[in-house]
N, C-alpha and C. Protein backbone atom coordinates (compact mmCIF):
# COMPACT_ATOMS: atom_id res chain seq x y z
N MET A 1 -10.99 14.78 6.00
CA MET A 1 -9.73 13.45 6.28
C MET A 1 -9.37 12.97 5.33
N SER A 2 -8.51 12.76 4.96
CA SER A 2 -7.72 12.42 3.95
C SER A 2 -7.68 10.88 3.93
N ASP A 3 -8.08 10.24 3.00
CA ASP A 3 -7.79 8.75 2.51
C ASP A 3 -6.86 8.06 1.90
N ARG A 4 -5.54 9.25 1.86
CA ARG A 4 -4.22 9.00 1.37
C ARG A 4 -3.51 8.13 2.20
N LEU A 5 -2.36 7.21 1.75
CA LEU A 5 -1.90 6.49 2.63
C LEU A 5 -0.03 7.08 2.64
N ALA A 6 0.58 6.69 3.53
CA ALA A 6 2.26 7.16 3.56
C ALA A 6 2.83 6.18 4.04
N VAL A 7 4.40 6.16 4.15
CA VAL A 7 5.37 5.28 4.61
C VAL A 7 5.78 5.78 5.74
N VAL A 8 6.09 5.29 6.88
CA VAL A 8 6.91 6.09 8.03
C VAL A 8 7.83 4.49 8.28
N GLU A 9 9.10 5.36 8.44
CA GLU A 9 9.93 4.41 8.24
C GLU A 9 10.70 4.04 9.96
N GLU A 10 10.75 3.01 10.53
CA GLU A 10 11.30 2.68 11.65
C GLU A 10 12.63 1.98 11.60
N PRO A 11 13.29 1.68 13.04
CA PRO A 11 14.58 1.07 12.83
C PRO A 11 14.44 -0.52 12.25
N ASP A 12 12.97 -0.81 12.68
CA ASP A 12 13.03 -2.52 12.26
C ASP A 12 12.15 -2.47 11.19
N ARG A 13 11.51 -1.79 10.49
CA ARG A 13 10.33 -2.00 9.83
C ARG A 13 9.90 -0.90 8.98
N PHE A 14 8.95 -1.05 8.06
CA PHE A 14 8.38 0.48 7.23
C PHE A 14 7.02 -0.17 7.39
N LEU A 15 6.16 1.11 7.88
CA LEU A 15 4.80 0.97 8.20
C LEU A 15 4.09 1.70 6.83
N VAL A 16 2.67 1.11 6.38
CA VAL A 16 1.83 1.82 5.87
C VAL A 16 0.97 2.01 6.73
N VAL A 17 0.84 3.36 6.84
CA VAL A 17 -0.01 4.39 7.47
C VAL A 17 -1.11 5.20 6.74
N ARG A 18 -2.30 5.88 7.62
CA ARG A 18 -3.03 6.79 7.09
C ARG A 18 -2.30 7.86 7.11
N GLU A 19 -2.25 9.10 5.76
CA GLU A 19 -1.49 9.94 6.01
C GLU A 19 -1.69 11.06 7.02
N ASP A 20 -3.19 11.28 7.52
CA ASP A 20 -3.93 12.03 8.24
C ASP A 20 -3.82 11.62 9.77
N ASP A 21 -3.36 10.27 9.90
CA ASP A 21 -3.28 9.79 11.42
C ASP A 21 -1.99 8.76 11.23
N PRO A 22 -0.99 8.77 11.26
CA PRO A 22 0.34 8.01 11.46
C PRO A 22 0.50 6.93 12.36
N SER A 23 -0.58 7.33 13.62
CA SER A 23 -0.54 6.17 14.45
C SER A 23 -1.16 5.05 14.09
N ASP A 24 -2.41 5.14 13.17
CA ASP A 24 -3.16 4.11 12.96
C ASP A 24 -2.59 3.38 11.68
N TRP A 25 -1.38 2.51 11.67
CA TRP A 25 -0.93 1.83 10.78
C TRP A 25 -1.62 0.62 10.32
N LEU A 26 -1.61 0.33 9.13
CA LEU A 26 -2.49 -0.73 8.40
C LEU A 26 -1.42 -2.02 8.23
N CYS A 27 -0.16 -1.63 7.87
CA CYS A 27 0.43 -2.86 7.33
C CYS A 27 1.89 -2.33 7.61
N ALA A 28 2.49 -3.53 8.20
CA ALA A 28 3.98 -3.40 8.34
C ALA A 28 4.74 -4.40 7.80
N PHE A 29 6.00 -3.91 6.83
CA PHE A 29 7.07 -4.67 6.57
C PHE A 29 8.50 -4.60 7.29
N ALA A 30 8.50 -5.74 7.62
CA ALA A 30 9.83 -5.98 8.69
C ALA A 30 11.06 -5.84 7.57
N ARG A 31 12.05 -5.44 8.22
CA ARG A 31 13.36 -5.37 7.40
C ARG A 31 13.73 -6.81 8.21
N ASP A 32 14.14 -7.69 7.18
CA ASP A 32 14.31 -8.92 7.38
C ASP A 32 15.42 -9.37 6.17
N GLY A 33 16.59 -9.47 6.31
CA GLY A 33 17.55 -10.26 5.58
C GLY A 33 17.59 -9.42 4.17
N ASP A 34 17.55 -9.73 3.10
CA ASP A 34 17.48 -9.06 1.67
C ASP A 34 15.79 -8.93 1.34
N PHE A 35 14.93 -9.09 2.44
CA PHE A 35 13.29 -8.66 1.76
C PHE A 35 13.58 -7.01 1.62
N PRO A 36 12.85 -6.85 0.49
CA PRO A 36 12.95 -5.34 0.23
C PRO A 36 11.82 -4.68 0.70
N ALA A 37 11.63 -4.33 2.28
CA ALA A 37 10.66 -4.16 2.78
C ALA A 37 10.19 -2.81 2.55
N GLU A 38 11.17 -1.74 2.39
CA GLU A 38 10.66 -0.63 1.86
C GLU A 38 10.04 -0.28 0.42
N ARG A 39 10.60 -0.99 -0.70
CA ARG A 39 10.03 -1.28 -1.93
C ARG A 39 8.61 -1.51 -2.15
N TRP A 40 8.35 -2.56 -0.73
CA TRP A 40 7.29 -3.21 -0.98
C TRP A 40 6.14 -2.24 -0.27
N ALA A 41 6.50 -1.55 0.74
CA ALA A 41 5.53 -0.28 1.21
C ALA A 41 5.80 0.65 0.41
N GLN A 42 6.48 1.22 -0.14
CA GLN A 42 6.07 2.23 -1.06
C GLN A 42 5.31 1.82 -2.26
N ASN A 43 5.63 0.68 -2.57
CA ASN A 43 4.68 0.34 -3.79
C ASN A 43 3.08 0.22 -3.28
N MET A 44 3.03 -0.34 -2.06
CA MET A 44 1.77 -0.60 -1.60
C MET A 44 1.06 0.86 -1.51
N VAL A 45 1.71 1.91 -1.11
CA VAL A 45 1.20 3.16 -0.95
C VAL A 45 1.16 3.93 -2.26
N SER A 46 1.79 3.93 -3.10
CA SER A 46 1.85 4.29 -4.33
C SER A 46 0.64 3.84 -5.55
N THR A 47 0.57 2.62 -5.51
CA THR A 47 -0.89 2.09 -5.93
C THR A 47 -1.98 2.40 -5.39
N TYR A 48 -2.06 2.28 -3.97
CA TYR A 48 -3.43 2.61 -3.45
C TYR A 48 -3.61 4.10 -3.64
N ASN A 49 -2.78 5.05 -3.48
CA ASN A 49 -3.10 6.35 -3.79
C ASN A 49 -3.30 6.62 -5.17
N GLU A 50 -2.56 6.06 -6.19
CA GLU A 50 -2.92 6.22 -7.27
C GLU A 50 -4.59 5.76 -7.81
N ARG A 51 -4.91 4.84 -7.34
CA ARG A 51 -6.24 4.33 -7.62
C ARG A 51 -7.14 5.34 -6.78
N LEU A 52 -6.73 5.75 -5.65
CA LEU A 52 -7.49 6.68 -5.17
C LEU A 52 -7.91 7.99 -6.00
N GLU A 53 -6.88 8.49 -6.68
CA GLU A 53 -6.93 9.54 -7.32
C GLU A 53 -7.87 9.49 -8.63
N LEU A 54 -7.87 8.14 -9.18
CA LEU A 54 -8.11 7.59 -10.19
C LEU A 54 -9.51 7.63 -10.06
N SER A 55 -10.40 7.12 -8.92
CA SER A 55 -11.47 7.10 -8.60
C SER A 55 -11.98 8.66 -8.33
N ASP A 56 -11.34 9.29 -7.64
CA ASP A 56 -11.87 10.70 -7.52
C ASP A 56 -12.05 11.48 -8.73
N GLU A 57 -11.14 11.04 -9.96
CA GLU A 57 -11.09 11.88 -10.90
C GLU A 57 -12.68 11.18 -12.07
N THR A 58 -13.16 10.21 -11.67
CA THR A 58 -14.33 9.69 -12.42
C THR A 58 -15.51 10.40 -11.62
N LEU A 59 -15.28 11.15 -10.47
CA LEU A 59 -16.46 11.94 -9.88
C LEU A 59 -16.46 13.54 -10.37
N ARG A 60 -14.99 13.81 -10.77
CA ARG A 60 -15.28 15.42 -11.44
C ARG A 60 -15.76 15.63 -12.84
N PRO A 61 -16.16 16.51 -12.90
CA PRO A 61 -17.17 16.86 -14.14
C PRO A 61 -16.02 17.01 -15.05
N GLY A 62 -16.69 16.79 -16.56
CA GLY A 62 -15.71 16.84 -17.60
C GLY A 62 -14.48 15.52 -17.68
N ALA A 63 -14.81 14.81 -16.66
CA ALA A 63 -13.90 13.71 -16.75
C ALA A 63 -13.97 12.84 -18.54
N VAL A 64 -12.84 12.39 -18.82
CA VAL A 64 -12.79 11.56 -20.11
C VAL A 64 -12.60 9.94 -20.05
N GLY A 65 -13.69 9.61 -20.59
CA GLY A 65 -13.47 7.83 -20.17
C GLY A 65 -12.43 7.12 -20.92
N SER A 66 -11.97 7.85 -21.84
CA SER A 66 -10.83 6.94 -22.66
C SER A 66 -9.33 7.22 -21.98
N GLU A 67 -9.48 8.37 -20.92
CA GLU A 67 -8.33 8.69 -20.32
C GLU A 67 -8.20 7.62 -19.22
N GLN A 68 -9.50 7.71 -18.50
CA GLN A 68 -9.65 6.74 -17.10
C GLN A 68 -9.11 5.50 -17.37
N ASP A 69 -9.80 5.09 -18.82
CA ASP A 69 -9.27 3.50 -18.81
C ASP A 69 -8.17 3.12 -18.97
N SER A 70 -7.53 3.88 -19.64
CA SER A 70 -5.96 3.65 -19.98
C SER A 70 -5.09 4.19 -18.73
N GLU A 71 -5.48 4.72 -17.74
CA GLU A 71 -4.87 4.91 -16.67
C GLU A 71 -5.46 3.66 -15.68
N PHE A 72 -6.48 3.26 -15.76
CA PHE A 72 -6.55 1.92 -15.06
C PHE A 72 -5.99 0.45 -15.75
N THR A 73 -6.14 0.56 -16.93
CA THR A 73 -5.02 -0.61 -17.42
C THR A 73 -3.48 -0.58 -16.98
N ARG A 74 -3.10 0.97 -17.26
CA ARG A 74 -1.83 1.23 -16.64
C ARG A 74 -1.60 0.48 -15.15
N LEU A 75 -2.80 1.25 -14.54
CA LEU A 75 -2.37 0.35 -13.10
C LEU A 75 -2.46 -0.78 -12.58
N GLU A 76 -3.53 -1.52 -13.42
CA GLU A 76 -3.91 -3.12 -13.58
C GLU A 76 -2.39 -3.60 -14.00
N GLY A 77 -1.92 -3.10 -14.85
CA GLY A 77 -0.36 -3.70 -15.09
C GLY A 77 0.75 -3.59 -14.23
N ARG A 78 0.59 -2.34 -13.39
CA ARG A 78 1.47 -2.27 -12.57
C ARG A 78 1.34 -3.19 -11.20
N GLN A 79 -0.13 -3.23 -10.77
CA GLN A 79 -0.56 -4.39 -9.95
C GLN A 79 0.33 -5.70 -9.94
N ARG A 80 0.10 -6.14 -11.32
CA ARG A 80 0.63 -7.28 -11.65
C ARG A 80 2.21 -7.49 -11.79
N GLU A 81 2.56 -6.44 -12.08
CA GLU A 81 3.95 -6.49 -11.70
C GLU A 81 4.68 -6.59 -10.23
N VAL A 82 3.65 -5.87 -9.40
CA VAL A 82 3.97 -5.96 -8.20
C VAL A 82 3.92 -7.24 -7.48
N GLN A 83 2.71 -7.93 -7.82
CA GLN A 83 2.31 -9.34 -7.68
C GLN A 83 3.29 -10.32 -8.06
N ASP A 84 3.92 -10.09 -9.44
CA ASP A 84 4.91 -10.80 -9.81
C ASP A 84 6.42 -11.02 -8.84
N GLN A 85 6.39 -9.98 -8.31
CA GLN A 85 7.75 -9.75 -7.51
C GLN A 85 7.63 -10.21 -6.08
N VAL A 86 6.43 -11.14 -5.48
CA VAL A 86 6.10 -11.98 -4.56
C VAL A 86 6.80 -13.31 -4.95
N ASP A 87 8.13 -13.49 -3.58
CA ASP A 87 8.84 -14.46 -3.84
C ASP A 87 8.66 -15.65 -2.96
N ARG A 88 7.93 -15.02 -1.76
CA ARG A 88 7.74 -15.93 -0.43
C ARG A 88 6.62 -15.29 -0.31
N PHE A 89 6.21 -16.04 0.45
CA PHE A 89 4.52 -15.63 1.49
C PHE A 89 4.14 -17.11 1.89
N ARG A 90 4.10 -17.05 3.40
CA ARG A 90 3.41 -17.95 4.05
C ARG A 90 1.85 -17.38 4.59
N ALA A 91 1.03 -18.37 4.74
CA ALA A 91 -0.25 -17.84 5.17
C ALA A 91 -0.26 -18.18 6.61
N GLY A 92 0.68 -18.77 7.20
CA GLY A 92 0.66 -18.74 8.74
C GLY A 92 1.32 -17.39 9.23
N ASP A 93 1.93 -16.37 8.51
CA ASP A 93 2.35 -15.20 8.90
C ASP A 93 1.41 -14.30 9.16
N ARG A 94 0.04 -14.73 8.58
CA ARG A 94 -1.05 -13.55 8.65
C ARG A 94 -1.73 -13.61 10.42
N LEU A 95 -1.86 -12.28 10.72
CA LEU A 95 -2.38 -12.10 11.76
C LEU A 95 -3.22 -11.14 11.92
N ASP A 96 -4.18 -11.38 12.91
CA ASP A 96 -5.41 -10.69 12.80
C ASP A 96 -5.17 -9.08 13.68
N ARG A 97 -5.84 -8.14 13.24
CA ARG A 97 -5.29 -6.65 13.45
C ARG A 97 -4.81 -6.47 15.10
N ASP A 98 -5.52 -7.26 15.89
CA ASP A 98 -5.17 -7.07 17.48
C ASP A 98 -3.74 -7.80 17.57
N GLY A 99 -3.50 -9.08 16.63
CA GLY A 99 -2.46 -9.77 16.97
C GLY A 99 -1.13 -8.94 16.49
N ILE A 100 -1.44 -8.25 15.37
CA ILE A 100 -0.24 -7.07 14.60
C ILE A 100 -0.21 -5.98 16.03
N HIS A 101 -1.25 -5.50 16.46
CA HIS A 101 -0.86 -4.44 17.40
C HIS A 101 -0.23 -4.99 18.53
N GLY A 102 -0.61 -6.26 19.06
CA GLY A 102 0.39 -6.71 19.99
C GLY A 102 1.75 -6.86 19.47
N ARG A 103 1.66 -7.46 18.60
CA ARG A 103 3.08 -7.76 18.47
C ARG A 103 4.05 -6.53 18.15
N ALA A 104 3.21 -5.32 17.86
CA ALA A 104 4.08 -3.95 17.82
C ALA A 104 4.25 -3.16 18.88
N ALA A 105 3.53 -3.66 19.91
CA ALA A 105 3.58 -3.24 21.23
C ALA A 105 4.74 -3.76 22.30
N ARG A 106 5.23 -4.87 21.57
CA ARG A 106 6.71 -5.63 22.15
C ARG A 106 7.86 -4.62 22.42
């Protein structure tokens, strides 16, 4: 079973899904005006998958610590860049998993 994530495009949103089970989506970014939904979904997936690969590398024989450190630093910088792009967020928009799936079923 793969732990990697992927993006699925739908007419009104972009879903972040498990690569091996696209029906099990984790996050939805709605197409809403000028909100860059696709970019947010792609950034989430690529950042997660890069960190996953980095953690896999630490378990491989012969992995070099300084290379891991510089990769971790690079990913931390990327995470800050993505966080800096957040220009709006409303805590009231957060739903629990059942609420999200219920909304998706409409």
